[in-house]
PDB file of all heavy atoms in Angstrom:
ATOM      1  N   ILE A   1     -34.400  41.598  46.290  1.00  0.00           N
ATOM      2  CA  ILE A   1     -34.265  40.199  45.892  1.00  0.00           C
ATOM      3  C   ILE A   1     -34.750  40.015  44.465  1.00  0.00           C
ATOM      4  O   ILE A   1     -35.899  40.309  44.150  1.00  0.00           O
ATOM      5  CB  ILE A   1     -35.052  39.279  46.852  1.00  0.00           C
ATOM      6  CG1 ILE A   1     -34.490  39.436  48.269  1.00  0.00           C
ATOM      7  CG2 ILE A   1     -34.987  37.835  46.385  1.00  0.00           C
ATOM      8  CD1 ILE A   1     -35.293  38.727  49.320  1.00  0.00           C
ATOM      9  N   LYS A   2     -33.866  39.532  43.582  1.00  0.00           N
ATOM     10  CA  LYS A   2     -34.181  39.282  42.175  1.00  0.00           C
ATOM     11  C   LYS A   2     -34.552  37.821  42.024  1.00  0.00           C
ATOM     12  O   LYS A   2     -33.723  36.947  42.204  1.00  0.00           O
ATOM     13  CB  LYS A   2     -32.981  39.641  41.302  1.00  0.00           C
ATOM     14  CG  LYS A   2     -32.999  39.103  39.876  1.00  0.00           C
ATOM     15  CD  LYS A   2     -33.955  39.830  38.981  1.00  0.00           C
ATOM     16  CE  LYS A   2     -33.791  39.490  37.523  1.00  0.00           C
ATOM     17  NZ  LYS A   2     -34.360  38.241  37.079  1.00  0.00           N
ATOM     18  N   ARG A   3     -35.823  37.577  41.763  1.00  0.00           N
ATOM     19  CA  ARG A   3     -36.309  36.215  41.516  1.00  0.00           C
ATOM     20  C   ARG A   3     -36.556  36.037  40.035  1.00  0.00           C
ATOM     21  O   ARG A   3     -36.957  36.961  39.351  1.00  0.00           O
ATOM     22  CB  ARG A   3     -37.611  35.958  42.259  1.00  0.00           C
ATOM     23  CG  ARG A   3     -37.471  35.986  43.747  1.00  0.00           C
ATOM     24  CD  ARG A   3     -38.790  35.682  44.434  1.00  0.00           C
ATOM     25  NE  ARG A   3     -38.676  35.856  45.854  1.00  0.00           N
ATOM     26  CZ  ARG A   3     -38.211  34.952  46.678  1.00  0.00           C
ATOM     27  NH1 ARG A   3     -37.825  33.780  46.232  1.00  0.00           N
ATOM     28  NH2 ARG A   3     -38.114  35.184  47.973  1.00  0.00           N
ATOM     29  N   GLY A   4     -36.375  34.824  39.571  1.00  0.00           N
ATOM     30  CA  GLY A   4     -36.674  34.489  38.189  1.00  0.00           C
ATOM     31  C   GLY A   4     -38.096  33.989  38.034  1.00  0.00           C
ATOM     32  O   GLY A   4     -38.854  33.895  39.010  1.00  0.00           O
ATOM     33  N   SER A   5     -38.459  33.616  36.831  1.00  0.00           N
ATOM     34  CA  SER A   5     -39.821  33.160  36.531  1.00  0.00           C
ATOM     35  C   SER A   5     -40.173  31.850  37.231  1.00  0.00           C
ATOM     36  O   SER A   5     -41.340  31.539  37.396  1.00  0.00           O
ATOM     37  CB  SER A   5     -39.999  33.009  35.025  1.00  0.00           C
ATOM     38  OG  SER A   5     -39.040  32.105  34.519  1.00  0.00           O
ATOM     39  N   THR A   6     -39.157  31.086  37.644  1.00  0.00           N
ATOM     40  CA  THR A   6     -39.417  29.843  38.361  1.00  0.00           C
ATOM     41  C   THR A   6     -39.419  30.058  39.879  1.00  0.00           C
ATOM     42  O   THR A   6     -39.435  29.107  40.638  1.00  0.00           O
ATOM     43  CB  THR A   6     -38.376  28.766  37.997  1.00  0.00           C
ATOM     44  OG1 THR A   6     -37.069  29.268  38.282  1.00  0.00           O
ATOM     45  CG2 THR A   6     -38.478  28.385  36.521  1.00  0.00           C
ATOM     46  N   GLU A   7     -39.374  31.334  40.295  1.00  0.00           N
ATOM     47  CA  GLU A   7     -39.425  31.788  41.686  1.00  0.00           C
ATOM     48  C   GLU A   7     -38.147  31.547  42.467  1.00  0.00           C
ATOM     49  O   GLU A   7     -38.081  31.825  43.659  1.00  0.00           O
ATOM     50  CB  GLU A   7     -40.647  31.218  42.414  1.00  0.00           C
ATOM     51  CG  GLU A   7     -41.950  31.641  41.778  1.00  0.00           C
ATOM     52  CD  GLU A   7     -43.173  31.112  42.496  1.00  0.00           C
ATOM     53  OE1 GLU A   7     -43.045  30.564  43.618  1.00  0.00           O
ATOM     54  OE2 GLU A   7     -44.259  31.247  41.923  1.00  0.00           O
ATOM     55  N   ASN A   8     -37.096  31.037  41.825  1.00  0.00           N
ATOM     56  CA  ASN A   8     -35.808  30.878  42.492  1.00  0.00           C
ATOM     57  C   ASN A   8     -35.118  32.235  42.581  1.00  0.00           C
ATOM     58  O   ASN A   8     -35.247  33.073  41.700  1.00  0.00           O
ATOM     59  CB  ASN A   8     -34.905  29.916  41.706  1.00  0.00           C
ATOM     60  CG  ASN A   8     -35.447  28.515  41.721  1.00  0.00           C
ATOM     61  OD1 ASN A   8     -36.067  28.081  42.689  1.00  0.00           O
ATOM     62  ND2 ASN A   8     -35.229  27.787  40.642  1.00  0.00           N
ATOM     63  N   VAL A   9     -34.357  32.437  43.657  1.00  0.00           N
ATOM     64  CA  VAL A   9     -33.611  33.676  43.819  1.00  0.00           C
ATOM     65  C   VAL A   9     -32.434  33.657  42.853  1.00  0.00           C
ATOM     66  O   VAL A   9     -31.626  32.729  42.858  1.00  0.00           O
ATOM     67  CB  VAL A   9     -33.137  33.847  45.281  1.00  0.00           C
ATOM     68  CG1 VAL A   9     -32.236  35.061  45.410  1.00  0.00           C
ATOM     69  CG2 VAL A   9     -34.328  33.960  46.218  1.00  0.00           C
ATOM     70  N   ASP A  10     -32.358  34.700  42.009  1.00  0.00           N
ATOM     71  CA  ASP A  10     -31.251  34.827  41.057  1.00  0.00           C
ATOM     72  C   ASP A  10     -30.075  35.527  41.727  1.00  0.00           C
ATOM     73  O   ASP A  10     -28.943  35.090  41.645  1.00  0.00           O
ATOM     74  CB  ASP A  10     -31.724  35.599  39.819  1.00  0.00           C
ATOM     75  CG  ASP A  10     -30.703  35.661  38.713  1.00  0.00           C
ATOM     76  OD1 ASP A  10     -29.752  34.855  38.716  1.00  0.00           O
ATOM     77  OD2 ASP A  10     -30.829  36.527  37.831  1.00  0.00           O
ATOM     78  N   PHE A  11     -30.348  36.646  42.397  1.00  0.00           N
ATOM     79  CA  PHE A  11     -29.329  37.342  43.166  1.00  0.00           C
ATOM     80  C   PHE A  11     -29.987  38.352  44.096  1.00  0.00           C
ATOM     81  O   PHE A  11     -31.161  38.671  43.956  1.00  0.00           O
ATOM     82  CB  PHE A  11     -28.275  38.016  42.270  1.00  0.00           C
ATOM     83  CG  PHE A  11     -28.809  39.075  41.331  1.00  0.00           C
ATOM     84  CD1 PHE A  11     -28.944  40.395  41.730  1.00  0.00           C
ATOM     85  CD2 PHE A  11     -29.142  38.757  40.022  1.00  0.00           C
ATOM     86  CE1 PHE A  11     -29.413  41.366  40.869  1.00  0.00           C
ATOM     87  CE2 PHE A  11     -29.605  39.715  39.145  1.00  0.00           C
ATOM     88  CZ  PHE A  11     -29.737  41.035  39.575  1.00  0.00           C
ATOM     89  N   VAL A  12     -29.196  38.835  45.059  1.00  0.00           N
ATOM     90  CA  VAL A  12     -29.639  39.897  45.950  1.00  0.00           C
ATOM     91  C   VAL A  12     -28.901  41.156  45.503  1.00  0.00           C
ATOM     92  O   VAL A  12     -27.676  41.183  45.452  1.00  0.00           O
ATOM     93  CB  VAL A  12     -29.341  39.569  47.420  1.00  0.00           C
ATOM     94  CG1 VAL A  12     -29.742  40.732  48.320  1.00  0.00           C
ATOM     95  CG2 VAL A  12     -30.058  38.287  47.827  1.00  0.00           C
ATOM     96  N   SER A  13     -29.651  42.166  45.151  1.00  0.00           N
ATOM     97  CA  SER A  13     -29.095  43.397  44.608  1.00  0.00           C
ATOM     98  C   SER A  13     -28.660  44.347  45.728  1.00  0.00           C
ATOM     99  O   SER A  13     -29.326  44.411  46.769  1.00  0.00           O
ATOM    100  CB  SER A  13     -30.157  44.081  43.739  1.00  0.00           C
ATOM    101  OG  SER A  13     -29.707  45.356  43.323  1.00  0.00           O
ATOM    102  N   PRO A  14     -27.601  45.098  45.499  1.00  0.00           N
ATOM    103  CA  PRO A  14     -27.236  46.125  46.482  1.00  0.00           C
ATOM    104  C   PRO A  14     -28.152  47.351  46.391  1.00  0.00           C
ATOM    105  O   PRO A  14     -28.162  48.181  47.293  1.00  0.00           O
ATOM    106  CB  PRO A  14     -25.801  46.480  46.107  1.00  0.00           C
ATOM    107  CG  PRO A  14     -25.709  46.153  44.655  1.00  0.00           C
ATOM    108  CD  PRO A  14     -26.629  44.989  44.431  1.00  0.00           C
ATOM    109  N   LEU A  15     -28.924  47.437  45.308  1.00  0.00           N
ATOM    110  CA  LEU A  15     -29.845  48.553  45.088  1.00  0.00           C
ATOM    111  C   LEU A  15     -31.271  48.034  44.943  1.00  0.00           C
ATOM    112  O   LEU A  15     -31.489  46.978  44.348  1.00  0.00           O
ATOM    113  CB  LEU A  15     -29.458  49.311  43.810  1.00  0.00           C
ATOM    114  CG  LEU A  15     -28.043  49.894  43.770  1.00  0.00           C
ATOM    115  CD1 LEU A  15     -27.736  50.424  42.378  1.00  0.00           C
ATOM    116  CD2 LEU A  15     -27.879  50.978  44.807  1.00  0.00           C
ATOM    117  N   PRO A  16     -32.248  48.794  45.434  1.00  0.00           N
ATOM    118  CA  PRO A  16     -33.641  48.342  45.286  1.00  0.00           C
ATOM    119  C   PRO A  16     -34.116  48.480  43.842  1.00  0.00           C
ATOM    120  O   PRO A  16     -33.677  49.375  43.111  1.00  0.00           O
ATOM    121  CB  PRO A  16     -34.411  49.279  46.210  1.00  0.00           C
ATOM    122  CG  PRO A  16     -33.576  50.517  46.272  1.00  0.00           C
ATOM    123  CD  PRO A  16     -32.144  50.059  46.155  1.00  0.00           C
ATOM    124  N   CYS A  17     -34.996  47.604  43.432  1.00  0.00           N
ATOM    125  CA  CYS A  17     -35.560  47.659  42.078  1.00  0.00           C
ATOM    126  C   CYS A  17     -36.494  48.870  41.987  1.00  0.00           C
ATOM    127  O   CYS A  17     -37.396  49.016  42.816  1.00  0.00           O
ATOM    128  CB  CYS A  17     -36.320  46.365  41.780  1.00  0.00           C
ATOM    129  SG  CYS A  17     -36.882  46.255  40.072  1.00  0.00           S
ATOM    130  N   PRO A  18     -36.298  49.745  40.990  1.00  0.00           N
ATOM    131  CA  PRO A  18     -37.127  50.950  40.899  1.00  0.00           C
ATOM    132  C   PRO A  18     -38.506  50.712  40.282  1.00  0.00           C
ATOM    133  O   PRO A  18     -39.313  51.634  40.209  1.00  0.00           O
ATOM    134  CB  PRO A  18     -36.288  51.879  40.021  1.00  0.00           C
ATOM    135  CG  PRO A  18     -35.513  50.951  39.150  1.00  0.00           C
ATOM    136  CD  PRO A  18     -35.236  49.740  39.992  1.00  0.00           C
ATOM    137  N   PHE A  19     -38.764  49.510  39.805  1.00  0.00           N
ATOM    138  CA  PHE A  19     -40.034  49.187  39.142  1.00  0.00           C
ATOM    139  C   PHE A  19     -40.600  47.897  39.727  1.00  0.00           C
ATOM    140  O   PHE A  19     -39.892  47.123  40.338  1.00  0.00           O
ATOM    141  CB  PHE A  19     -39.817  48.928  37.641  1.00  0.00           C
ATOM    142  CG  PHE A  19     -38.978  49.935  36.927  1.00  0.00           C
ATOM    143  CD1 PHE A  19     -37.715  49.614  36.465  1.00  0.00           C
ATOM    144  CD2 PHE A  19     -39.461  51.205  36.680  1.00  0.00           C
ATOM    145  CE1 PHE A  19     -36.939  50.529  35.775  1.00  0.00           C
ATOM    146  CE2 PHE A  19     -38.700  52.137  35.996  1.00  0.00           C
ATOM    147  CZ  PHE A  19     -37.430  51.802  35.537  1.00  0.00           C
ATOM    148  N   ASN A  20     -41.857  47.649  39.442  1.00  0.00           N
ATOM    149  CA  ASN A  20     -42.427  46.312  39.635  1.00  0.00           C
ATOM    150  C   ASN A  20     -41.962  45.511  38.420  1.00  0.00           C
ATOM    151  O   ASN A  20     -42.192  45.920  37.283  1.00  0.00           O
ATOM    152  CB  ASN A  20     -43.952  46.384  39.666  1.00  0.00           C
ATOM    153  CG  ASN A  20     -44.466  47.149  40.849  1.00  0.00           C
ATOM    154  OD1 ASN A  20     -44.318  46.716  41.974  1.00  0.00           O
ATOM    155  ND2 ASN A  20     -45.053  48.312  40.602  1.00  0.00           N
ATOM    156  N   TYR A  21     -41.274  44.430  38.658  1.00  0.00           N
ATOM    157  CA  TYR A  21     -40.652  43.663  37.581  1.00  0.00           C
ATOM    158  C   TYR A  21     -41.259  42.271  37.564  1.00  0.00           C
ATOM    159  O   TYR A  21     -41.404  41.639  38.610  1.00  0.00           O
ATOM    160  CB  TYR A  21     -39.147  43.595  37.866  1.00  0.00           C
ATOM    161  CG  TYR A  21     -38.285  43.132  36.733  1.00  0.00           C
ATOM    162  CD1 TYR A  21     -37.687  44.043  35.871  1.00  0.00           C
ATOM    163  CD2 TYR A  21     -38.032  41.790  36.540  1.00  0.00           C
ATOM    164  CE1 TYR A  21     -36.855  43.628  34.840  1.00  0.00           C
ATOM    165  CE2 TYR A  21     -37.205  41.353  35.512  1.00  0.00           C
ATOM    166  CZ  TYR A  21     -36.616  42.277  34.674  1.00  0.00           C
ATOM    167  OH  TYR A  21     -35.799  41.859  33.664  1.00  0.00           O
ATOM    168  N   GLY A  22     -41.633  41.815  36.405  1.00  0.00           N
ATOM    169  CA  GLY A  22     -42.232  40.494  36.318  1.00  0.00           C
ATOM    170  C   GLY A  22     -42.150  39.924  34.922  1.00  0.00           C
ATOM    171  O   GLY A  22     -41.228  40.237  34.167  1.00  0.00           O
ATOM    172  N   SER A  23     -43.127  39.108  34.590  1.00  0.00           N
ATOM    173  CA  SER A  23     -43.122  38.456  33.285  1.00  0.00           C
ATOM    174  C   SER A  23     -44.538  38.243  32.794  1.00  0.00           C
ATOM    175  O   SER A  23     -45.503  38.332  33.549  1.00  0.00           O
ATOM    176  CB  SER A  23     -42.376  37.121  33.364  1.00  0.00           C
ATOM    177  OG  SER A  23     -43.019  36.262  34.286  1.00  0.00           O
ATOM    178  N   VAL A  24     -44.612  37.941  31.507  1.00  0.00           N
ATOM    179  CA  VAL A  24     -45.878  37.633  30.849  1.00  0.00           C
ATOM    180  C   VAL A  24     -45.980  36.109  30.795  1.00  0.00           C
ATOM    181  O   VAL A  24     -45.259  35.482  30.015  1.00  0.00           O
ATOM    182  CB  VAL A  24     -45.925  38.226  29.419  1.00  0.00           C
ATOM    183  CG1 VAL A  24     -47.268  37.958  28.770  1.00  0.00           C
ATOM    184  CG2 VAL A  24     -45.609  39.713  29.434  1.00  0.00           C
ATOM    185  N   PRO A  25     -46.819  35.506  31.627  1.00  0.00           N
ATOM    186  CA  PRO A  25     -46.878  34.036  31.675  1.00  0.00           C
ATOM    187  C   PRO A  25     -47.272  33.378  30.351  1.00  0.00           C
ATOM    188  O   PRO A  25     -47.000  32.204  30.157  1.00  0.00           O
ATOM    189  CB  PRO A  25     -47.944  33.760  32.747  1.00  0.00           C
ATOM    190  CG  PRO A  25     -47.996  34.994  33.567  1.00  0.00           C
ATOM    191  CD  PRO A  25     -47.673  36.122  32.638  1.00  0.00           C
ATOM    192  N   ALA A  26     -47.842  34.132  29.436  1.00  0.00           N
ATOM    193  CA  ALA A  26     -48.311  33.562  28.172  1.00  0.00           C
ATOM    194  C   ALA A  26     -47.221  33.453  27.102  1.00  0.00           C
ATOM    195  O   ALA A  26     -47.426  32.783  26.093  1.00  0.00           O
ATOM    196  CB  ALA A  26     -49.473  34.403  27.622  1.00  0.00           C
ATOM    197  N   TYR A  27     -46.056  34.097  27.313  1.00  0.00           N
ATOM    198  CA  TYR A  27     -45.025  34.137  26.267  1.00  0.00           C
ATOM    199  C   TYR A  27     -43.638  33.778  26.794  1.00  0.00           C
ATOM    200  O   TYR A  27     -43.269  34.157  27.905  1.00  0.00           O
ATOM    201  CB  TYR A  27     -44.930  35.538  25.646  1.00  0.00           C
ATOM    202  CG  TYR A  27     -46.127  35.901  24.814  1.00  0.00           C
ATOM    203  CD1 TYR A  27     -47.122  36.722  25.324  1.00  0.00           C
ATOM    204  CD2 TYR A  27     -46.254  35.433  23.514  1.00  0.00           C
ATOM    205  CE1 TYR A  27     -48.225  37.064  24.557  1.00  0.00           C
ATOM    206  CE2 TYR A  27     -47.354  35.772  22.742  1.00  0.00           C
ATOM    207  CZ  TYR A  27     -48.333  36.585  23.266  1.00  0.00           C
ATOM    208  OH  TYR A  27     -49.421  36.922  22.512  1.00  0.00           O
ATOM    209  N   VAL A  28     -42.851  33.117  25.940  1.00  0.00           N
ATOM    210  CA  VAL A  28     -41.450  32.822  26.210  1.00  0.00           C
ATOM    211  C   VAL A  28     -40.622  33.696  25.272  1.00  0.00           C
ATOM    212  O   VAL A  28     -40.842  33.706  24.056  1.00  0.00           O
ATOM    213  CB  VAL A  28     -41.132  31.325  25.978  1.00  0.00           C
ATOM    214  CG1 VAL A  28     -39.656  31.052  26.157  1.00  0.00           C
ATOM    215  CG2 VAL A  28     -41.964  30.464  26.922  1.00  0.00           C
ATOM    216  N   GLY A  29     -39.679  34.451  25.856  1.00  0.00           N
ATOM    217  CA  GLY A  29     -38.832  35.354  25.087  1.00  0.00           C
ATOM    218  C   GLY A  29     -37.709  34.627  24.363  1.00  0.00           C
ATOM    219  O   GLY A  29     -37.533  33.408  24.485  1.00  0.00           O
ATOM    220  N   LEU A  30     -36.920  35.416  23.649  1.00  0.00           N
ATOM    221  CA  LEU A  30     -35.817  34.857  22.847  1.00  0.00           C
ATOM    222  C   LEU A  30     -34.731  34.193  23.690  1.00  0.00           C
ATOM    223  O   LEU A  30     -33.975  33.374  23.186  1.00  0.00           O
ATOM    224  CB  LEU A  30     -35.189  35.963  21.989  1.00  0.00           C
ATOM    225  CG  LEU A  30     -36.073  36.505  20.866  1.00  0.00           C
ATOM    226  CD1 LEU A  30     -35.425  37.715  20.214  1.00  0.00           C
ATOM    227  CD2 LEU A  30     -36.339  35.414  19.830  1.00  0.00           C
ATOM    228  N   ASP A  31     -34.659  34.534  24.980  1.00  0.00           N
ATOM    229  CA  ASP A  31     -33.651  33.927  25.854  1.00  0.00           C
ATOM    230  C   ASP A  31     -34.120  32.609  26.463  1.00  0.00           C
ATOM    231  O   ASP A  31     -33.405  31.989  27.244  1.00  0.00           O
ATOM    232  CB  ASP A  31     -33.243  34.906  26.958  1.00  0.00           C
ATOM    233  CG  ASP A  31     -34.388  35.268  27.895  1.00  0.00           C
ATOM    234  OD1 ASP A  31     -35.558  34.933  27.588  1.00  0.00           O
ATOM    235  OD2 ASP A  31     -34.118  35.891  28.934  1.00  0.00           O
ATOM    236  N   GLY A  32     -35.337  32.159  26.120  1.00  0.00           N
ATOM    237  CA  GLY A  32     -35.854  30.899  26.629  1.00  0.00           C
ATOM    238  C   GLY A  32     -36.589  31.015  27.952  1.00  0.00           C
ATOM    239  O   GLY A  32     -37.093  30.026  28.480  1.00  0.00           O
ATOM    240  N   ASP A  33     -36.655  32.222  28.517  1.00  0.00           N
ATOM    241  CA  ASP A  33     -37.376  32.468  29.760  1.00  0.00           C
ATOM    242  C   ASP A  33     -38.658  33.223  29.422  1.00  0.00           C
ATOM    243  O   ASP A  33     -38.823  33.713  28.298  1.00  0.00           O
ATOM    244  CB  ASP A  33     -36.498  33.287  30.706  1.00  0.00           C
ATOM    245  CG  ASP A  33     -36.927  33.200  32.159  1.00  0.00           C
ATOM    246  OD1 ASP A  33     -37.902  32.472  32.458  1.00  0.00           O
ATOM    247  OD2 ASP A  33     -36.289  33.858  33.000  1.00  0.00           O
ATOM    248  N   LEU A  34     -39.550  33.338  30.401  1.00  0.00           N
ATOM    249  CA  LEU A  34     -40.777  34.088  30.155  1.00  0.00           C
ATOM    250  C   LEU A  34     -40.439  35.521  29.746  1.00  0.00           C
ATOM    251  O   LEU A  34     -39.424  36.080  30.185  1.00  0.00           O
ATOM    252  CB  LEU A  34     -41.662  34.090  31.397  1.00  0.00           C
ATOM    253  CG  LEU A  34     -42.190  32.726  31.831  1.00  0.00           C
ATOM    254  CD1 LEU A  34     -43.033  32.870  33.097  1.00  0.00           C
ATOM    255  CD2 LEU A  34     -43.007  32.071  30.727  1.00  0.00           C
ATOM    256  N   LEU A  35     -41.272  36.106  28.898  1.00  0.00           N
ATOM    257  CA  LEU A  35     -41.071  37.466  28.414  1.00  0.00           C
ATOM    258  C   LEU A  35     -41.144  38.428  29.596  1.00  0.00           C
ATOM    259  O   LEU A  35     -42.126  38.441  30.339  1.00  0.00           O
ATOM    260  CB  LEU A  35     -42.141  37.798  27.366  1.00  0.00           C
ATOM    261  CG  LEU A  35     -42.073  39.166  26.710  1.00  0.00           C
ATOM    262  CD1 LEU A  35     -40.738  39.387  26.004  1.00  0.00           C
ATOM    263  CD2 LEU A  35     -43.233  39.313  25.716  1.00  0.00           C
ATOM    264  N   ASP A  36     -40.103  39.228  29.774  1.00  0.00           N
ATOM    265  CA  ASP A  36     -40.012  40.139  30.913  1.00  0.00           C
ATOM    266  C   ASP A  36     -40.895  41.358  30.719  1.00  0.00           C
ATOM    267  O   ASP A  36     -41.107  41.825  29.592  1.00  0.00           O
ATOM    268  CB  ASP A  36     -38.562  40.610  31.100  1.00  0.00           C
ATOM    269  CG  ASP A  36     -37.644  39.503  31.559  1.00  0.00           C
ATOM    270  OD1 ASP A  36     -38.107  38.639  32.331  1.00  0.00           O
ATOM    271  OD2 ASP A  36     -36.474  39.495  31.151  1.00  0.00           O
ATOM    272  N   ALA A  37     -41.357  41.900  31.840  1.00  0.00           N
ATOM    273  CA  ALA A  37     -42.187  43.103  31.809  1.00  0.00           C
ATOM    274  C   ALA A  37     -41.959  43.927  33.065  1.00  0.00           C
ATOM    275  O   ALA A  37     -41.801  43.383  34.163  1.00  0.00           O
ATOM    276  CB  ALA A  37     -43.661  42.726  31.696  1.00  0.00           C
ATOM    277  N   VAL A  38     -41.931  45.223  32.890  1.00  0.00           N
ATOM    278  CA  VAL A  38     -41.856  46.198  33.965  1.00  0.00           C
ATOM    279  C   VAL A  38     -43.225  46.841  34.050  1.00  0.00           C
ATOM    280  O   VAL A  38     -43.815  47.186  33.031  1.00  0.00           O
ATOM    281  CB  VAL A  38     -40.782  47.262  33.630  1.00  0.00           C
ATOM    282  CG1 VAL A  38     -40.918  48.482  34.503  1.00  0.00           C
ATOM    283  CG2 VAL A  38     -39.394  46.665  33.715  1.00  0.00           C
TER     284      VAL A  38
END
């Protein structure tokens, strides 16, 4: 399950995520969402 920074489900992947995926709550990236981090 791919969730965004607002905790809404973005999509359900056919493959499991190979990393712990999240964001840096202190920064907003160039796309207007929280800065992503693995």
